[in-house]
Structure formats: C-alpha cells, structure tokens
Amino acid sequence: MLNKFITFKEPIPMPNSDERRVLFDHREYLRNHKDTVTHTISASTGYAEQHNWYRYFLLNNIPTEIFYPIMIINGITDLLEFDTDIATIKIPSHGVVQDIISRIA
C-alpha cells in the first residue's frame, strides 16, 4: 500500500493523509505565527531557478520538511512552477511545523 508520495527523494504528504489535512487546516496559523519570516526572493537566484521551487528552497538552505507548509501558506501548487512575479514568500518556523506534526495522533 502506498503511504506517501515521493518527490525528489523527499515526502510530500498524500492527499488524504492526516499530516496533509492538519497542516492545511493550520495554514493561517502558520502564515500569521510570530516566528514565520518573510523571505525576499533575490532576482539573481530567483531567475536562475525559474520553474523550480524545489531547487530554490535547497539553495537557500530551507529544510525539506517545511516545503509543503511553505507551499500551502504561499499558494504554491507545484514545486516545479516557480513564478518570477513573486518577490517574497512566507517561511514558517521549522520548529512550529514539527510541533504541529508531532500532535497528530
């Protein structure tokens, strides 16, 4: 039985998984949390990684465990669809995301 999707060797929660549902339900909390930071996308790295959020996140040392939460709080639907019109993204705290995930029973 398939337990999770694997994308670029990292898990993205399955569409009907508890983890995905809980993180999606917490998107406003994550977006507005005091530890969430606004990250400015530099023109030089943003342009070089056009069409690839996955690579952009890796180059900026963003933990893979928070890729999905970053996507949902910024309206990103595909890691391979980098939008050069986006100048900033919100990045939730890795610790806050881990705390939410740890509470899933």
C-alpha atoms as a PDB file:
ATOM      1  CA  MET A   1       0.000   0.000   0.000  1.00  0.00           C
ATOM      2  CA  LEU A   2       1.269   3.446  -0.904  1.00  0.00           C
ATOM      3  CA  ASN A   3       1.823   5.528   2.253  1.00  0.00           C
ATOM      4  CA  LYS A   4       3.211   8.722   0.769  1.00  0.00           C
ATOM      5  CA  PHE A   5       4.245  10.334  -2.471  1.00  0.00           C
ATOM      6  CA  ILE A   6       7.970  10.690  -3.008  1.00  0.00           C
ATOM      7  CA  THR A   7       9.063  13.738  -4.948  1.00  0.00           C
ATOM      8  CA  PHE A   8      12.756  14.357  -5.486  1.00  0.00           C
ATOM      9  CA  LYS A   9      13.521  11.824  -2.712  1.00  0.00           C
ATOM     10  CA  GLU A  10      11.508  13.794  -0.119  1.00  0.00           C
ATOM     11  CA  PRO A  11       7.993  13.060   1.149  1.00  0.00           C
ATOM     12  CA  ILE A  12       5.042  15.228   0.251  1.00  0.00           C
ATOM     13  CA  PRO A  13       2.036  14.206   2.361  1.00  0.00           C
ATOM     14  CA  MET A  14      -0.520  12.101   0.494  1.00  0.00           C
ATOM     15  CA  PRO A  15      -3.680  13.999  -0.473  1.00  0.00           C
ATOM     16  CA  ASN A  16      -5.883  12.313   2.135  1.00  0.00           C
ATOM     17  CA  SER A  17      -3.273  11.907   4.880  1.00  0.00           C
ATOM     18  CA  ASP A  18      -3.736  13.269   8.387  1.00  0.00           C
ATOM     19  CA  GLU A  19      -0.464  15.207   8.113  1.00  0.00           C
ATOM     20  CA  ARG A  20      -1.555  16.997   4.963  1.00  0.00           C
ATOM     21  CA  ARG A  21      -5.026  17.725   6.340  1.00  0.00           C
ATOM     22  CA  VAL A  22      -3.685  19.042   9.674  1.00  0.00           C
ATOM     23  CA  LEU A  23      -1.039  21.247   8.020  1.00  0.00           C
ATOM     24  CA  PHE A  24      -3.639  22.574   5.576  1.00  0.00           C
ATOM     25  CA  ASP A  25      -6.005  23.333   8.470  1.00  0.00           C
ATOM     26  CA  HIS A  26      -3.177  25.236  10.205  1.00  0.00           C
ATOM     27  CA  ARG A  27      -2.163  27.325   7.182  1.00  0.00           C
ATOM     28  CA  GLU A  28      -3.499  30.621   8.579  1.00  0.00           C
ATOM     29  CA  TYR A  29      -1.886  29.891  11.938  1.00  0.00           C
ATOM     30  CA  LEU A  30       1.432  29.198  10.195  1.00  0.00           C
ATOM     31  CA  ARG A  31       1.098  32.229   7.916  1.00  0.00           C
ATOM     32  CA  ASN A  32       0.495  34.590  10.832  1.00  0.00           C
ATOM     33  CA  HIS A  33       2.676  32.964  13.511  1.00  0.00           C
ATOM     34  CA  LYS A  34       5.190  35.297  15.179  1.00  0.00           C
ATOM     35  CA  ASP A  35       8.073  33.017  14.136  1.00  0.00           C
ATOM     36  CA  THR A  36       7.102  32.992  10.451  1.00  0.00           C
ATOM     37  CA  VAL A  37       9.505  35.116   8.429  1.00  0.00           C
ATOM     38  CA  THR A  38       9.115  36.935   5.145  1.00  0.00           C
ATOM     39  CA  HIS A  39      11.824  35.862   2.722  1.00  0.00           C
ATOM     40  CA  THR A  40      12.737  38.165  -0.157  1.00  0.00           C
ATOM     41  CA  ILE A  41      13.480  36.367  -3.393  1.00  0.00           C
ATOM     42  CA  SER A  42      16.589  37.864  -4.932  1.00  0.00           C
ATOM     43  CA  ALA A  43      16.448  38.500  -8.659  1.00  0.00           C
ATOM     44  CA  SER A  44      19.724  36.668  -9.252  1.00  0.00           C
ATOM     45  CA  THR A  45      18.764  33.386  -7.580  1.00  0.00           C
ATOM     46  CA  GLY A  46      15.092  33.649  -8.443  1.00  0.00           C
ATOM     47  CA  TYR A  47      15.750  33.999 -12.144  1.00  0.00           C
ATOM     48  CA  ALA A  48      18.333  31.212 -12.151  1.00  0.00           C
ATOM     49  CA  GLU A  49      15.865  28.828 -10.534  1.00  0.00           C
ATOM     50  CA  GLN A  50      12.849  29.842 -12.600  1.00  0.00           C
ATOM     51  CA  HIS A  51      10.338  26.979 -12.769  1.00  0.00           C
ATOM     52  CA  ASN A  52      11.856  25.102  -9.837  1.00  0.00           C
ATOM     53  CA  TRP A  53      10.844  25.948  -6.256  1.00  0.00           C
ATOM     54  CA  TYR A  54      12.442  22.724  -5.058  1.00  0.00           C
ATOM     55  CA  ARG A  55      15.913  23.802  -6.183  1.00  0.00           C
ATOM     56  CA  TYR A  56      15.368  27.367  -4.925  1.00  0.00           C
ATOM     57  CA  PHE A  57      14.479  26.094  -1.439  1.00  0.00           C
ATOM     58  CA  LEU A  58      17.535  23.814  -1.364  1.00  0.00           C
ATOM     59  CA  LEU A  59      19.870  26.609  -2.473  1.00  0.00           C
ATOM     60  CA  ASN A  60      18.527  28.789   0.334  1.00  0.00           C
ATOM     61  CA  ASN A  61      19.034  26.079   2.979  1.00  0.00           C
ATOM     62  CA  ILE A  62      15.329  25.691   3.688  1.00  0.00           C
ATOM     63  CA  PRO A  63      14.627  22.337   5.388  1.00  0.00           C
ATOM     64  CA  THR A  64      12.810  19.916   3.111  1.00  0.00           C
ATOM     65  CA  GLU A  65      10.344  19.111   5.910  1.00  0.00           C
ATOM     66  CA  ILE A  66       8.776  22.548   5.539  1.00  0.00           C
ATOM     67  CA  PHE A  67       8.462  22.618   1.726  1.00  0.00           C
ATOM     68  CA  TYR A  68       4.781  21.628   1.865  1.00  0.00           C
ATOM     69  CA  PRO A  69       3.888  24.151   4.602  1.00  0.00           C
ATOM     70  CA  ILE A  70       5.663  26.875   2.581  1.00  0.00           C
ATOM     71  CA  MET A  71       3.651  25.882  -0.462  1.00  0.00           C
ATOM     72  CA  ILE A  72       0.270  25.999   1.272  1.00  0.00           C
ATOM     73  CA  ILE A  73       0.787  29.336   3.048  1.00  0.00           C
ATOM     74  CA  ASN A  74       2.013  30.995  -0.164  1.00  0.00           C
ATOM     75  CA  GLY A  75      -0.471  29.485  -2.616  1.00  0.00           C
ATOM     76  CA  ILE A  76       2.183  27.461  -4.441  1.00  0.00           C
ATOM     77  CA  THR A  77       0.620  24.393  -6.025  1.00  0.00           C
ATOM     78  CA  ASP A  78       3.614  22.799  -7.729  1.00  0.00           C
ATOM     79  CA  LEU A  79       7.283  22.694  -6.707  1.00  0.00           C
ATOM     80  CA  LEU A  80       8.222  22.888 -10.381  1.00  0.00           C
ATOM     81  CA  GLU A  81       6.252  26.064 -11.122  1.00  0.00           C
ATOM     82  CA  PHE A  82       8.464  28.904  -9.944  1.00  0.00           C
ATOM     83  CA  ASP A  83       6.702  32.224 -10.500  1.00  0.00           C
ATOM     84  CA  THR A  84       9.181  35.035 -11.150  1.00  0.00           C
ATOM     85  CA  ASP A  85       6.466  37.590 -10.302  1.00  0.00           C
ATOM     86  CA  ILE A  86       6.616  36.541  -6.635  1.00  0.00           C
ATOM     87  CA  ALA A  87       9.006  38.867  -4.785  1.00  0.00           C
ATOM     88  CA  THR A  88       8.560  37.446  -1.268  1.00  0.00           C
ATOM     89  CA  ILE A  89       7.370  34.269   0.377  1.00  0.00           C
ATOM     90  CA  LYS A  90       6.481  33.486   3.962  1.00  0.00           C
ATOM     91  CA  ILE A  91       8.518  30.728   5.604  1.00  0.00           C
ATOM     92  CA  PRO A  92       7.143  29.123   8.770  1.00  0.00           C
ATOM     93  CA  SER A  93       9.396  28.092  11.611  1.00  0.00           C
ATOM     94  CA  HIS A  94      10.647  24.532  11.265  1.00  0.00           C
ATOM     95  CA  GLY A  95      10.035  24.042  14.998  1.00  0.00           C
ATOM     96  CA  VAL A  96       6.431  25.227  14.793  1.00  0.00           C
ATOM     97  CA  VAL A  97       5.747  22.880  11.868  1.00  0.00           C
ATOM     98  CA  GLN A  98       7.339  19.963  13.741  1.00  0.00           C
ATOM     99  CA  ASP A  99       5.242  20.792  16.820  1.00  0.00           C
ATOM    100  CA  ILE A 100       2.035  20.662  14.757  1.00  0.00           C
ATOM    101  CA  ILE A 101       3.026  17.372  13.125  1.00  0.00           C
ATOM    102  CA  SER A 102       4.001  15.834  16.469  1.00  0.00           C
ATOM    103  CA  ARG A 103       0.466  16.351  17.781  1.00  0.00           C
ATOM    104  CA  ILE A 104      -1.129  14.162  15.108  1.00  0.00           C
ATOM    105  CA  ALA A 105      -2.446  11.064  16.878  1.00  0.00           C
END
